[in-house]
Structure formats: C-alpha cells, structure tokens
Amino acid sequence: MKLKSIAYSVYLVLSILVSMSVASVPAMLLMFLLFHNVDPLLDTVGWPFAPVRLFVQSTLGPFLPEFVPEKLWFIILFVPSLAICYGIFLGILALMFKGSRRLLPHFDDGYYTVESEQWLTYEYYESYYVIFAHFTSFFSVFLDTKPRHTLFGAKIGKNTIVGNGRLFNPERTVIGSNCFFGYNAIMSGHVYEGDRLYLKTVRIGNNVTVGANAVILAGANIGDNVIVGANTVVPKDRAIPPNTIWINGKAIPKKPEVIVALQSQGAIDSHIVVNGSVTDKADDPSTKPSGSQ
C-alpha cells in the first residue's frame, strides 16, 4: 500500500471519529438540559402539568421509585426528546461527513483496477455515505430518503419519491421529476467486472416508475414515462427509450392492453397509466365490455 493510501485511510478513520464526537456534543448537551429543566419549566406553567404530577404522586407515588414523580414529564417526553436530539446529531454528522469527503479526490467515469490506489480511495470516498445511511436507517422507515441522497450529491427532481429505494452512488445519480421507486429498488453508479471497477452516472427521466427490487446499473439512461418492472435488471450503459415498459430484458411499447396483460401476470403494479393518467385496472376503458358505460 502506497504512502498516499495509508494517509487517506488514517484520514478516513480520524475524520469519522471526530465527526461523530462533534455531532454528539450538542445532542448530549440538549438532553442534559432537558433532564434538569423540563420538569421545573412545565411546573411553572401550571395546569395541566402540575395537577397531573400531584395526582401521580398521591396515587402512584408509594408504588413507584422516588425519581419517577420528580422526573415525570422528562420520562413522558423522553422518546420525542431523544428523537429531536438524534435528529440534531444526524444533521451535524451529515454536514461533517459531507465536508470531510470533499478533501478526498472524486474520480471521473470510467474503469479502474481493483485493489489499486484509485480503487481504494474510491472506497474511502463512498464510506461516509454508507456509514451515514446506517445511522439514518431508523428514520427511513417513516421519512423519504430523498434529503439524504441529495445532501450527498444526487440530483433529484420535484415530486419524486425515493422512499426505501437505495442509491449506492448518490453523486452519480440523476433523477427527473414525478418519479416513484418501489421497495428496495437499487440504483448503482458502479459495477464490478472481474478485477475492474466501472463508474458511470445513472440517468433517469421524468415520470418514471421503478418496481420493487429492480436494479439499475451504472451508465443506464432511462427515458421519460418508462415503467421498470419489479425484480428486473437494467444492464450497464443500457438506454431505454421513452414511453416503454422494461421487463424481461427488453423495452415494450407502453400501450393500455400491454399494461393490463402485465398486470394480470403481476409483473407491474396494480396502478397503470392510460392516456397519460394513472388509474386502477377497473377504471381502464380497455378492460370494460363493449357497450358498457
């Protein structure tokens, strides 16, 4: 391992430790202040906080540890307080990680040899995003992950819902507006081919729906109004024309009768696109018997 790689590895470890330490200080300080001040503050407010405390002390006091009535409101508000403090920790950590990895070189699209100095530096560069994703995994259950991806370099248009979709290389991901990604859909700006690493930006147009567990690999270029079927793979550097459905390794023109047929096979979602609008299968005019209103 060359001296530069050793220096980068030391920098990675130290920057992560320093970032976590700096981010934890305000969060811990806020929790400390809440522990000592939230109950006296709410007592000064009076009703309903003071009467509730008196009721708990008079009825449940003999059966509870002594600190419970004293810290009643801190205990009641502990979970939201913890969530707020953890959110502060994540916000500062994200800024620290983003700033730290700017000091590492960012490589252009192309091929790089595995276990080379460039490959190792690339792995270090991506480590910040991977580690931060683990810290935010709890919130991703309730919140869209779009802010996390854009913070680390992804370009995502308006009204696009990433949800639980996974971006392996946010800085190599460009997504248009009004897109939707199903559960565990993966967009990867890198591909390993034997002893070579291939890097290239993934580009997704507007009004694109990506099914659950679909995988879009480096260099893929998906046009507007495309449906990527669930559990399908878009190979590297594959261009998918607009207004098509990508399934079974080929692009099919997006026509109402094709969509309904794929729905019946469970290949795409129960919501379909007919004449430019999203509708349920039951509302699709092509599925109604002739003469029906």
Protein backbone atom coordinates (compact mmCIF):
# COMPACT_ATOMS: atom_id res chain seq x y z
CA MET A 1 0.00 0.00 0.00
CA LYS A 2 1.43 3.35 -1.03
CA LEU A 3 2.01 6.21 1.37
CA LYS A 4 -0.90 8.22 -0.07
CA SER A 5 -3.32 5.34 0.52
CA ILE A 6 -2.12 5.00 4.11
CA ALA A 7 -2.62 8.72 4.63
CA TYR A 8 -6.16 8.52 3.22
CA SER A 9 -7.02 5.56 5.46
CA VAL A 10 -5.79 7.40 8.56
CA TYR A 11 -7.70 10.49 7.47
CA LEU A 12 -10.88 8.42 6.97
CA VAL A 13 -10.78 6.92 10.46
CA LEU A 14 -9.89 10.17 12.20
CA SER A 15 -12.45 12.24 10.30
CA ILE A 16 -15.23 9.77 11.12
CA LEU A 17 -14.32 9.69 14.81
CA VAL A 18 -14.03 13.48 15.01
CA SER A 19 -17.30 13.98 13.11
CA MET A 20 -19.20 11.64 15.42
CA SER A 21 -17.71 13.29 18.51
CA VAL A 22 -18.50 16.82 17.35
CA ALA A 23 -22.04 15.85 16.31
CA SER A 24 -22.77 14.12 19.62
CA VAL A 25 -21.83 17.08 21.84
CA PRO A 26 -24.85 19.36 21.05
CA ALA A 27 -27.23 16.39 21.18
CA MET A 28 -25.94 15.25 24.57
CA LEU A 29 -25.95 18.81 25.89
CA LEU A 30 -29.57 19.29 24.87
CA MET A 31 -30.59 16.02 26.54
CA PHE A 32 -28.75 17.08 29.70
CA LEU A 33 -30.60 20.42 29.75
CA LEU A 34 -33.94 18.71 29.20
CA PHE A 35 -33.26 16.26 32.02
CA HIS A 36 -32.63 19.05 34.52
CA ASN A 37 -35.05 21.72 33.31
CA VAL A 38 -38.12 20.28 31.58
CA ASP A 39 -39.97 19.36 34.80
CA PRO A 40 -39.36 22.68 36.64
CA LEU A 41 -40.27 24.58 33.48
CA LEU A 42 -43.57 22.74 33.00
CA ASP A 43 -44.40 23.10 36.70
CA THR A 44 -44.19 26.88 36.34
CA VAL A 45 -46.75 26.66 33.53
CA GLY A 46 -49.26 25.23 35.98
CA TRP A 47 -52.31 23.48 34.57
CA PRO A 48 -52.39 20.72 33.43
CA PHE A 49 -48.80 19.76 34.25
CA ALA A 50 -48.73 20.50 37.98
CA PRO A 51 -52.09 18.79 38.76
CA VAL A 52 -51.04 15.68 36.84
CA ARG A 53 -47.81 15.47 38.83
CA LEU A 54 -49.71 15.84 42.13
CA PHE A 55 -52.15 13.14 41.06
CA VAL A 56 -49.33 10.72 40.21
CA GLN A 57 -47.53 11.46 43.47
CA SER A 58 -50.65 10.96 45.59
CA THR A 59 -51.98 7.83 43.89
CA LEU A 60 -48.96 6.03 42.46
CA GLY A 61 -46.13 7.54 44.49
CA PRO A 62 -45.92 4.71 47.05
CA PHE A 63 -45.57 2.14 44.25
CA LEU A 64 -43.03 3.98 42.07
CA PRO A 65 -39.33 4.72 42.50
CA GLU A 66 -38.74 8.14 44.01
CA PHE A 67 -37.25 9.65 40.85
CA VAL A 68 -40.34 8.89 38.72
CA PRO A 69 -42.63 11.60 40.16
CA GLU A 70 -39.70 14.04 40.25
CA LYS A 71 -38.85 13.49 36.56
CA LEU A 72 -42.37 12.64 35.42
CA TRP A 73 -42.52 14.92 32.37
CA PHE A 74 -38.98 14.12 31.27
CA ILE A 75 -39.91 10.42 31.32
CA ILE A 76 -43.14 11.06 29.42
CA LEU A 77 -41.35 13.21 26.83
CA PHE A 78 -38.24 11.03 26.67
CA VAL A 79 -38.95 9.42 23.29
CA PRO A 80 -39.71 12.67 21.39
CA SER A 81 -36.79 14.35 23.17
CA LEU A 82 -34.50 11.52 22.11
CA ALA A 83 -35.75 11.78 18.52
CA ILE A 84 -35.03 15.53 18.46
CA CYS A 85 -31.55 15.07 19.90
CA TYR A 86 -30.78 12.27 17.47
CA GLY A 87 -32.02 14.43 14.60
CA ILE A 88 -29.60 17.18 15.66
CA PHE A 89 -26.82 14.59 15.81
CA LEU A 90 -27.64 13.37 12.29
CA GLY A 91 -27.81 16.89 10.87
CA ILE A 92 -24.39 17.85 12.19
CA LEU A 93 -22.92 14.46 11.27
CA ALA A 94 -24.16 14.79 7.69
CA LEU A 95 -22.52 18.20 7.31
CA MET A 96 -19.28 16.90 8.85
CA PHE A 97 -19.22 13.83 6.59
CA LYS A 98 -20.00 15.89 3.51
CA GLY A 99 -17.20 18.31 4.30
CA SER A 100 -14.76 15.52 5.15
CA ARG A 101 -15.14 13.64 1.90
CA ARG A 102 -14.62 16.80 -0.14
CA LEU A 103 -10.95 16.52 0.76
CA LEU A 104 -10.78 13.13 -0.95
CA PRO A 105 -10.43 13.01 -4.76
CA HIS A 106 -13.56 12.34 -6.82
CA PHE A 107 -12.92 10.13 -9.85
CA ASP A 108 -14.37 10.60 -13.32
CA ASP A 109 -16.50 7.98 -15.05
CA GLY A 110 -14.53 5.06 -16.42
CA TYR A 111 -12.69 1.85 -15.50
CA TYR A 112 -10.37 1.44 -12.50
CA THR A 113 -8.34 -1.58 -11.42
CA VAL A 114 -9.48 -3.29 -8.22
CA GLU A 115 -7.04 -3.00 -5.30
CA SER A 116 -5.28 -0.10 -6.96
CA GLU A 117 -4.69 3.16 -5.14
CA GLN A 118 -7.54 4.80 -7.06
CA TRP A 119 -9.94 1.98 -6.21
CA LEU A 120 -9.05 2.18 -2.52
CA THR A 121 -9.55 5.94 -2.50
CA TYR A 122 -12.94 5.48 -4.16
CA GLU A 123 -13.96 3.04 -1.41
CA TYR A 124 -12.91 5.58 1.21
CA TYR A 125 -14.89 8.29 -0.57
CA GLU A 126 -18.07 6.20 -0.51
CA SER A 127 -17.60 5.09 3.12
CA TYR A 128 -19.02 8.33 4.50
CA TYR A 129 -22.33 7.86 2.71
CA VAL A 130 -22.56 4.16 3.63
CA ILE A 131 -21.92 4.83 7.32
CA PHE A 132 -24.36 7.73 7.40
CA ALA A 133 -27.04 5.55 5.78
CA HIS A 134 -26.77 3.13 8.71
CA PHE A 135 -27.29 5.95 11.19
CA THR A 136 -30.44 7.10 9.37
CA SER A 137 -31.93 3.64 8.74
CA PHE A 138 -34.47 4.10 11.56
CA PHE A 139 -35.85 7.35 10.14
CA SER A 140 -36.03 5.91 6.62
CA VAL A 141 -38.92 3.74 7.82
CA PHE A 142 -41.04 6.87 8.36
CA LEU A 143 -39.49 9.51 6.10
CA ASP A 144 -38.49 9.70 2.46
CA THR A 145 -34.74 9.22 1.97
CA LYS A 146 -34.56 11.88 -0.75
CA PRO A 147 -32.96 14.57 1.50
CA ARG A 148 -30.18 12.18 2.47
CA HIS A 149 -29.38 11.37 -1.15
CA THR A 150 -29.42 14.98 -2.33
CA LEU A 151 -27.17 16.01 0.54
CA PHE A 152 -24.53 13.61 -0.75
CA GLY A 153 -24.76 14.75 -4.36
CA ALA A 154 -27.79 13.14 -6.01
CA LYS A 155 -29.79 15.34 -8.39
CA ILE A 156 -33.48 14.56 -7.88
CA GLY A 157 -36.39 16.44 -9.45
CA LYS A 158 -39.61 17.69 -7.91
CA ASN A 159 -42.34 15.34 -6.65
CA THR A 160 -40.04 12.33 -6.90
CA ILE A 161 -40.46 9.77 -4.12
CA VAL A 162 -37.39 7.66 -3.47
CA GLY A 163 -38.92 6.00 -0.40
CA ASN A 164 -36.96 2.89 0.50
CA GLY A 165 -35.14 2.91 -2.82
CA ARG A 166 -31.37 2.60 -2.49
CA LEU A 167 -28.80 4.82 -4.19
CA PHE A 168 -25.37 3.24 -3.97
CA ASN A 169 -23.63 6.26 -5.51
CA PRO A 170 -25.73 9.40 -5.00
CA GLU A 171 -23.11 11.62 -6.63
CA ARG A 172 -23.55 9.53 -9.80
CA THR A 173 -27.35 9.60 -9.86
CA VAL A 174 -29.60 11.99 -11.80
CA ILE A 175 -33.37 11.51 -11.44
CA GLY A 176 -36.10 13.60 -13.06
CA SER A 177 -39.41 14.83 -11.67
CA ASN A 178 -42.54 12.86 -10.72
CA CYS A 179 -40.72 9.54 -10.35
CA PHE A 180 -41.53 6.74 -7.93
CA PHE A 181 -39.28 3.95 -6.65
CA GLY A 182 -40.63 0.75 -5.15
CA TYR A 183 -39.29 -1.02 -2.11
CA ASN A 184 -35.59 -1.89 -2.29
CA ALA A 185 -35.18 -0.60 -5.85
CA ILE A 186 -31.44 -0.14 -6.41
CA MET A 187 -29.60 2.47 -8.48
CA SER A 188 -25.88 1.82 -8.64
CA GLY A 189 -23.33 4.10 -10.27
CA HIS A 190 -20.69 1.38 -10.12
CA VAL A 191 -20.27 -2.15 -11.45
CA TYR A 192 -17.55 -4.69 -10.72
CA GLU A 193 -16.33 -6.64 -13.74
CA GLY A 194 -13.71 -9.11 -12.62
CA ASP A 195 -10.74 -7.10 -11.41
CA ARG A 196 -12.09 -3.82 -12.77
CA LEU A 197 -14.43 -1.22 -11.30
CA TYR A 198 -16.68 0.65 -13.73
CA LEU A 199 -18.07 4.05 -12.72
CA LYS A 200 -20.71 5.95 -14.66
CA THR A 201 -23.68 8.18 -13.82
CA VAL A 202 -27.20 6.69 -13.86
CA ARG A 203 -29.73 8.98 -15.56
CA ILE A 204 -33.48 8.61 -15.12
CA GLY A 205 -36.01 10.82 -16.90
CA ASN A 206 -39.34 12.26 -15.78
CA ASN A 207 -42.46 10.29 -14.81
CA VAL A 208 -40.55 7.04 -14.35
CA THR A 209 -41.81 4.22 -12.12
CA VAL A 210 -39.26 1.70 -10.85
CA GLY A 211 -40.70 -1.50 -9.42
CA ALA A 212 -39.70 -3.17 -6.17
CA ASN A 213 -36.31 -4.93 -6.13
CA ALA A 214 -35.40 -3.62 -9.58
CA VAL A 215 -31.68 -2.98 -10.16
CA ILE A 216 -30.42 -0.16 -12.38
CA LEU A 217 -26.69 -0.38 -13.08
CA ALA A 218 -24.00 2.15 -13.93
CA GLY A 219 -24.46 4.18 -17.09
CA ALA A 220 -28.12 3.26 -17.61
CA ASN A 221 -30.11 6.00 -19.31
CA ILE A 222 -33.88 5.69 -18.82
CA GLY A 223 -36.17 7.93 -20.86
CA ASP A 224 -39.35 9.72 -19.80
CA ASN A 225 -42.57 7.88 -18.94
CA VAL A 226 -40.88 4.49 -18.51
CA ILE A 227 -42.01 1.68 -16.20
CA VAL A 228 -39.20 -0.57 -14.95
CA GLY A 229 -40.78 -3.85 -13.89
CA ALA A 230 -40.29 -5.32 -10.44
CA ASN A 231 -37.32 -7.69 -9.96
CA THR A 232 -35.80 -6.68 -13.29
CA VAL A 233 -32.26 -5.57 -14.10
CA VAL A 234 -31.29 -2.67 -16.33
CA PRO A 235 -27.74 -3.53 -17.51
CA LYS A 236 -24.90 -1.04 -17.51
CA ASP A 237 -24.93 1.57 -20.28
CA ARG A 238 -28.38 0.42 -21.44
CA ALA A 239 -30.56 3.15 -22.93
CA ILE A 240 -34.31 2.63 -22.53
CA PRO A 241 -36.45 4.70 -24.92
CA PRO A 242 -39.29 6.88 -23.59
CA ASN A 243 -42.86 5.58 -23.21
CA THR A 244 -41.87 1.94 -22.78
CA ILE A 245 -42.00 -0.81 -20.18
CA TRP A 246 -38.71 -2.52 -19.37
CA ILE A 247 -39.28 -6.16 -18.50
CA ASN A 248 -37.56 -9.47 -19.27
CA GLY A 249 -34.57 -7.64 -20.73
CA LYS A 250 -36.44 -5.69 -23.38
CA ALA A 251 -38.42 -2.48 -23.82
CA ILE A 252 -42.10 -2.93 -24.70
CA PRO A 253 -44.22 -0.03 -26.02
CA LYS A 254 -46.41 1.26 -23.21
CA LYS A 255 -49.92 0.62 -24.51
CA PRO A 256 -53.03 0.08 -22.36
CA GLU A 257 -53.51 -3.52 -23.48
CA VAL A 258 -49.85 -4.33 -22.77
CA ILE A 259 -50.06 -2.80 -19.31
CA VAL A 260 -53.20 -4.75 -18.44
CA ALA A 261 -51.62 -8.00 -19.62
CA LEU A 262 -48.52 -7.40 -17.50
CA GLN A 263 -50.73 -6.53 -14.54
CA SER A 264 -52.52 -9.83 -14.80
CA GLN A 265 -49.12 -11.55 -14.60
CA GLY A 266 -48.17 -9.49 -11.53
CA ALA A 267 -45.21 -8.00 -13.40
CA ILE A 268 -46.16 -4.38 -12.72
CA ASP A 269 -48.16 -2.51 -10.10
CA SER A 270 -51.95 -2.52 -9.93
CA HIS A 271 -51.95 1.16 -10.88
CA ILE A 272 -51.47 1.69 -14.59
CA VAL A 273 -51.04 4.56 -16.98
CA VAL A 274 -53.74 5.09 -19.56
CA ASN A 275 -53.67 8.10 -21.86
CA GLY A 276 -51.14 9.82 -19.65
CA SER A 277 -53.03 9.40 -16.35
CA VAL A 278 -52.65 6.95 -13.50
CA THR A 279 -55.70 4.80 -12.85
CA ASP A 280 -56.77 1.45 -11.45
CA LYS A 281 -57.28 -1.54 -13.70
CA ALA A 282 -61.02 -1.41 -13.02
CA ASP A 283 -61.13 2.10 -14.46
CA ASP A 284 -59.23 1.19 -17.63
CA PRO A 285 -61.65 1.60 -20.56
CA SER A 286 -59.87 -1.16 -22.48
CA THR A 287 -60.93 -3.70 -19.84
CA LYS A 288 -64.66 -2.88 -19.99
CA PRO A 289 -67.00 -4.99 -22.14
CA SER A 290 -68.21 -3.39 -25.33
CA GLY A 291 -71.35 -1.34 -24.81
CA SER A 292 -70.66 -0.73 -21.11
CA GLN A 293 -70.78 2.81 -19.78
